[in-house]
Amino acid sequence: MSTLESPTQPVVQAGSFLTLHYRMAAPGGANIINTFDGKPATLSLGNGELSPAIEQRLLGLPEGARTTFELAAGEAFGERNPELLQWVARKLLNELGDPDERYSVGDVVQFPTPDGLGQYAGAVQQVKAQGDAVQFDFNHPLAGQPVVFEVQIIGVL
């Protein structure tokens, strides 16, 4: 007669491939992203798909776990960096995109990384009256803010 050992439940580890539902909320509870009402997300820990602070909180959670945690102001996406408020000359914007583009405060503009392989975003803060330069904020929109993160781990590989 043989005995079958019950398999141990997989837990989230560095490099784990995860299937999960998650909700990220800003101060005041407004959803930034919420997958609970749709298709779950899949991601690989350590690939930069989530902030390191959020990934750290996922480590050790067992498959099937559902939990909510709060990240203090600046913990999830860093503190606001005043050096990331930068003026960009209209000439450069014309070279990178549509010369007829009109920029308004609040617009989010995608810029190519120096190697041309990726992109990063900047939010328009000001447009000079003569239109020869636009000030962008290249901080993450949630930099310096607390974040609530709710997660349900569906699968761990």
C-alpha atoms as a PDB file:
ATOM      1  CA  MET A   1       0.000   0.000   0.000  1.00  0.00           C
ATOM      2  CA  SER A   2       1.449   3.346  -1.021  1.00  0.00           C
ATOM      3  CA  THR A   3       0.687   6.689   0.471  1.00  0.00           C
ATOM      4  CA  LEU A   4       0.306   9.721  -1.694  1.00  0.00           C
ATOM      5  CA  GLU A   5       1.765  12.913  -0.406  1.00  0.00           C
ATOM      6  CA  SER A   6      -0.325  15.964  -1.036  1.00  0.00           C
ATOM      7  CA  PRO A   7       1.506  18.335  -3.349  1.00  0.00           C
ATOM      8  CA  THR A   8       2.724  21.523  -1.758  1.00  0.00           C
ATOM      9  CA  GLN A   9       1.037  24.674  -2.909  1.00  0.00           C
ATOM     10  CA  PRO A  10       3.309  26.775  -5.138  1.00  0.00           C
ATOM     11  CA  VAL A  11       4.335  30.149  -3.759  1.00  0.00           C
ATOM     12  CA  VAL A  12       5.464  33.317  -5.524  1.00  0.00           C
ATOM     13  CA  GLN A  13       9.245  33.479  -5.852  1.00  0.00           C
ATOM     14  CA  ALA A  14      11.668  35.744  -7.694  1.00  0.00           C
ATOM     15  CA  GLY A  15      11.287  34.932 -11.392  1.00  0.00           C
ATOM     16  CA  SER A  16       7.866  33.257 -10.992  1.00  0.00           C
ATOM     17  CA  PHE A  17       5.450  33.407 -13.897  1.00  0.00           C
ATOM     18  CA  LEU A  18       2.084  34.515 -12.482  1.00  0.00           C
ATOM     19  CA  THR A  19      -1.541  34.567 -13.507  1.00  0.00           C
ATOM     20  CA  LEU A  20      -3.357  37.012 -11.276  1.00  0.00           C
ATOM     21  CA  HIS A  21      -6.113  39.519 -10.875  1.00  0.00           C
ATOM     22  CA  TYR A  22      -5.114  42.845  -9.427  1.00  0.00           C
ATOM     23  CA  ARG A  23      -6.440  46.279  -8.667  1.00  0.00           C
ATOM     24  CA  MET A  24      -4.335  49.348  -8.102  1.00  0.00           C
ATOM     25  CA  ALA A  25      -6.029  52.369  -6.581  1.00  0.00           C
ATOM     26  CA  ALA A  26      -4.903  55.937  -6.027  1.00  0.00           C
ATOM     27  CA  PRO A  27      -5.537  57.960  -2.886  1.00  0.00           C
ATOM     28  CA  GLY A  28      -9.285  58.303  -2.513  1.00  0.00           C
ATOM     29  CA  GLY A  29      -9.884  54.812  -3.903  1.00  0.00           C
ATOM     30  CA  ALA A  30     -10.150  55.595  -7.629  1.00  0.00           C
ATOM     31  CA  ASN A  31      -9.081  52.572  -9.699  1.00  0.00           C
ATOM     32  CA  ILE A  32      -5.998  53.031 -11.819  1.00  0.00           C
ATOM     33  CA  ILE A  33      -6.208  49.501 -13.132  1.00  0.00           C
ATOM     34  CA  ASN A  34      -8.574  46.663 -12.257  1.00  0.00           C
ATOM     35  CA  THR A  35      -8.529  43.215 -13.871  1.00  0.00           C
ATOM     36  CA  PHE A  36     -11.056  41.599 -11.489  1.00  0.00           C
ATOM     37  CA  ASP A  37     -13.952  42.254 -13.873  1.00  0.00           C
ATOM     38  CA  GLY A  38     -12.175  40.851 -16.924  1.00  0.00           C
ATOM     39  CA  LYS A  39      -9.335  38.670 -18.077  1.00  0.00           C
ATOM     40  CA  PRO A  40      -6.571  38.021 -15.511  1.00  0.00           C
ATOM     41  CA  ALA A  41      -3.093  39.365 -16.115  1.00  0.00           C
ATOM     42  CA  THR A  42      -0.025  37.225 -16.731  1.00  0.00           C
ATOM     43  CA  LEU A  43       3.452  38.432 -15.924  1.00  0.00           C
ATOM     44  CA  SER A  44       6.901  37.325 -14.942  1.00  0.00           C
ATOM     45  CA  LEU A  45       8.283  38.669 -11.672  1.00  0.00           C
ATOM     46  CA  GLY A  46      11.505  40.601 -12.105  1.00  0.00           C
ATOM     47  CA  ASN A  47      10.786  41.852 -15.636  1.00  0.00           C
ATOM     48  CA  GLY A  48       9.743  45.339 -14.515  1.00  0.00           C
ATOM     49  CA  GLU A  49       6.040  44.838 -15.209  1.00  0.00           C
ATOM     50  CA  LEU A  50       5.278  45.797 -11.607  1.00  0.00           C
ATOM     51  CA  SER A  51       7.233  48.136  -9.364  1.00  0.00           C
ATOM     52  CA  PRO A  52       9.900  46.440  -7.203  1.00  0.00           C
ATOM     53  CA  ALA A  53       7.991  47.418  -4.028  1.00  0.00           C
ATOM     54  CA  ILE A  54       4.853  45.636  -5.274  1.00  0.00           C
ATOM     55  CA  GLU A  55       6.837  42.585  -6.413  1.00  0.00           C
ATOM     56  CA  GLN A  56       8.469  42.395  -2.983  1.00  0.00           C
ATOM     57  CA  ARG A  57       5.024  42.226  -1.352  1.00  0.00           C
ATOM     58  CA  LEU A  58       4.002  39.341  -3.652  1.00  0.00           C
ATOM     59  CA  LEU A  59       6.969  37.137  -2.718  1.00  0.00           C
ATOM     60  CA  GLY A  60       5.918  34.194  -0.568  1.00  0.00           C
ATOM     61  CA  LEU A  61       2.191  34.457  -1.329  1.00  0.00           C
ATOM     62  CA  PRO A  62       0.690  31.022  -2.044  1.00  0.00           C
ATOM     63  CA  GLU A  63      -1.303  30.222  -5.153  1.00  0.00           C
ATOM     64  CA  GLY A  64      -4.949  31.119  -4.438  1.00  0.00           C
ATOM     65  CA  ALA A  65      -4.117  33.926  -1.988  1.00  0.00           C
ATOM     66  CA  ARG A  66      -6.112  37.138  -2.108  1.00  0.00           C
ATOM     67  CA  THR A  67      -4.837  40.129  -0.163  1.00  0.00           C
ATOM     68  CA  THR A  68      -4.701  43.909  -0.141  1.00  0.00           C
ATOM     69  CA  PHE A  69      -1.769  46.035   0.921  1.00  0.00           C
ATOM     70  CA  GLU A  70      -1.028  49.735   1.077  1.00  0.00           C
ATOM     71  CA  LEU A  71       2.203  51.246  -0.127  1.00  0.00           C
ATOM     72  CA  ALA A  72       3.277  54.499   1.494  1.00  0.00           C
ATOM     73  CA  ALA A  73       3.679  57.700  -0.500  1.00  0.00           C
ATOM     74  CA  GLY A  74       6.592  57.257  -2.893  1.00  0.00           C
ATOM     75  CA  GLU A  75       7.093  53.548  -2.160  1.00  0.00           C
ATOM     76  CA  ALA A  76       5.416  52.127  -5.269  1.00  0.00           C
ATOM     77  CA  PHE A  77       6.641  54.588  -7.895  1.00  0.00           C
ATOM     78  CA  GLY A  78       9.279  56.654  -6.121  1.00  0.00           C
ATOM     79  CA  GLU A  79       9.233  60.218  -4.924  1.00  0.00           C
ATOM     80  CA  ARG A  80       8.552  63.071  -7.313  1.00  0.00           C
ATOM     81  CA  ASN A  81      11.807  64.293  -8.830  1.00  0.00           C
ATOM     82  CA  PRO A  82      11.804  68.005  -9.719  1.00  0.00           C
ATOM     83  CA  GLU A  83      14.585  67.326 -12.250  1.00  0.00           C
ATOM     84  CA  LEU A  84      12.066  65.334 -14.292  1.00  0.00           C
ATOM     85  CA  LEU A  85      10.158  68.543 -15.074  1.00  0.00           C
ATOM     86  CA  GLN A  86      11.866  69.538 -18.308  1.00  0.00           C
ATOM     87  CA  TRP A  87      11.373  71.991 -21.131  1.00  0.00           C
ATOM     88  CA  VAL A  88      11.558  70.453 -24.607  1.00  0.00           C
ATOM     89  CA  ALA A  89      12.176  72.702 -27.597  1.00  0.00           C
ATOM     90  CA  ARG A  90       9.464  72.743 -30.234  1.00  0.00           C
ATOM     91  CA  LYS A  91      12.141  72.029 -32.848  1.00  0.00           C
ATOM     92  CA  LEU A  92      12.928  68.683 -31.166  1.00  0.00           C
ATOM     93  CA  LEU A  93       9.216  67.851 -30.796  1.00  0.00           C
ATOM     94  CA  ASN A  94       8.771  68.511 -34.522  1.00  0.00           C
ATOM     95  CA  GLU A  95      11.655  66.134 -35.315  1.00  0.00           C
ATOM     96  CA  LEU A  96      10.244  63.404 -33.067  1.00  0.00           C
ATOM     97  CA  GLY A  97       6.629  63.683 -34.157  1.00  0.00           C
ATOM     98  CA  ASP A  98       4.038  65.671 -36.079  1.00  0.00           C
ATOM     99  CA  PRO A  99       5.150  69.297 -36.669  1.00  0.00           C
ATOM    100  CA  ASP A 100       1.469  70.356 -36.663  1.00  0.00           C
ATOM    101  CA  GLU A 101       0.760  68.800 -33.247  1.00  0.00           C
ATOM    102  CA  ARG A 102      -0.820  71.180 -30.729  1.00  0.00           C
ATOM    103  CA  TYR A 103       0.032  70.443 -27.102  1.00  0.00           C
ATOM    104  CA  SER A 104      -2.302  71.164 -24.186  1.00  0.00           C
ATOM    105  CA  VAL A 105      -1.753  70.898 -20.435  1.00  0.00           C
ATOM    106  CA  GLY A 106      -2.520  67.324 -19.360  1.00  0.00           C
ATOM    107  CA  ASP A 107      -1.677  65.696 -22.705  1.00  0.00           C
ATOM    108  CA  VAL A 108       0.518  62.604 -22.361  1.00  0.00           C
ATOM    109  CA  VAL A 109       3.154  62.298 -25.061  1.00  0.00           C
ATOM    110  CA  GLN A 110       5.252  59.220 -25.872  1.00  0.00           C
ATOM    111  CA  PHE A 111       8.973  59.741 -26.492  1.00  0.00           C
ATOM    112  CA  PRO A 112      11.423  57.197 -27.908  1.00  0.00           C
ATOM    113  CA  THR A 113      14.220  56.023 -25.636  1.00  0.00           C
ATOM    114  CA  PRO A 114      17.723  57.037 -26.805  1.00  0.00           C
ATOM    115  CA  ASP A 115      18.320  53.521 -28.172  1.00  0.00           C
ATOM    116  CA  GLY A 116      15.043  53.687 -30.133  1.00  0.00           C
ATOM    117  CA  LEU A 117      13.878  50.349 -28.712  1.00  0.00           C
ATOM    118  CA  GLY A 118      11.393  51.618 -26.132  1.00  0.00           C
ATOM    119  CA  GLN A 119       9.253  54.543 -25.103  1.00  0.00           C
ATOM    120  CA  TYR A 120       8.620  56.698 -22.076  1.00  0.00           C
ATOM    121  CA  ALA A 121       5.876  59.198 -21.414  1.00  0.00           C
ATOM    122  CA  GLY A 122       5.738  62.804 -20.345  1.00  0.00           C
ATOM    123  CA  ALA A 123       2.693  64.816 -19.296  1.00  0.00           C
ATOM    124  CA  VAL A 124       2.426  68.391 -20.602  1.00  0.00           C
ATOM    125  CA  GLN A 125       2.649  70.908 -17.735  1.00  0.00           C
ATOM    126  CA  GLN A 126       3.042  74.210 -19.606  1.00  0.00           C
ATOM    127  CA  VAL A 127       3.259  75.515 -23.145  1.00  0.00           C
ATOM    128  CA  LYS A 128       5.222  78.728 -23.711  1.00  0.00           C
ATOM    129  CA  ALA A 129       3.022  81.507 -25.082  1.00  0.00           C
ATOM    130  CA  GLN A 130       5.040  81.720 -28.293  1.00  0.00           C
ATOM    131  CA  GLY A 131       4.872  77.903 -28.566  1.00  0.00           C
ATOM    132  CA  ASP A 132       8.636  77.407 -28.949  1.00  0.00           C
ATOM    133  CA  ALA A 133       8.886  75.028 -25.971  1.00  0.00           C
ATOM    134  CA  VAL A 134       6.713  72.685 -23.936  1.00  0.00           C
ATOM    135  CA  GLN A 135       7.329  71.667 -20.313  1.00  0.00           C
ATOM    136  CA  PHE A 136       6.857  67.966 -19.603  1.00  0.00           C
ATOM    137  CA  ASP A 137       6.680  66.055 -16.345  1.00  0.00           C
ATOM    138  CA  PHE A 138       8.492  62.750 -16.811  1.00  0.00           C
ATOM    139  CA  ASN A 139       7.683  61.515 -13.284  1.00  0.00           C
ATOM    140  CA  HIS A 140       5.369  58.510 -13.026  1.00  0.00           C
ATOM    141  CA  PRO A 141       1.825  59.897 -12.509  1.00  0.00           C
ATOM    142  CA  LEU A 142       1.696  58.179  -9.104  1.00  0.00           C
ATOM    143  CA  ALA A 143       5.188  59.214  -7.961  1.00  0.00           C
ATOM    144  CA  GLY A 144       5.062  60.510  -4.411  1.00  0.00           C
ATOM    145  CA  GLN A 145       1.552  59.155  -3.782  1.00  0.00           C
ATOM    146  CA  PRO A 146       0.318  56.267  -1.663  1.00  0.00           C
ATOM    147  CA  VAL A 147      -1.146  53.311  -3.565  1.00  0.00           C
ATOM    148  CA  VAL A 148      -3.503  50.487  -2.573  1.00  0.00           C
ATOM    149  CA  PHE A 149      -2.807  47.173  -4.306  1.00  0.00           C
ATOM    150  CA  GLU A 150      -5.255  44.256  -4.174  1.00  0.00           C
ATOM    151  CA  VAL A 151      -4.201  40.929  -5.652  1.00  0.00           C
ATOM    152  CA  GLN A 152      -5.530  37.414  -6.156  1.00  0.00           C
ATOM    153  CA  ILE A 153      -2.867  34.891  -7.175  1.00  0.00           C
ATOM    154  CA  ILE A 154      -4.529  32.459  -9.613  1.00  0.00           C
ATOM    155  CA  GLY A 155      -1.501  30.494 -10.763  1.00  0.00           C
ATOM    156  CA  VAL A 156       2.239  30.299 -10.057  1.00  0.00           C
ATOM    157  CA  LEU A 157       4.747  28.626 -12.387  1.00  0.00           C
END
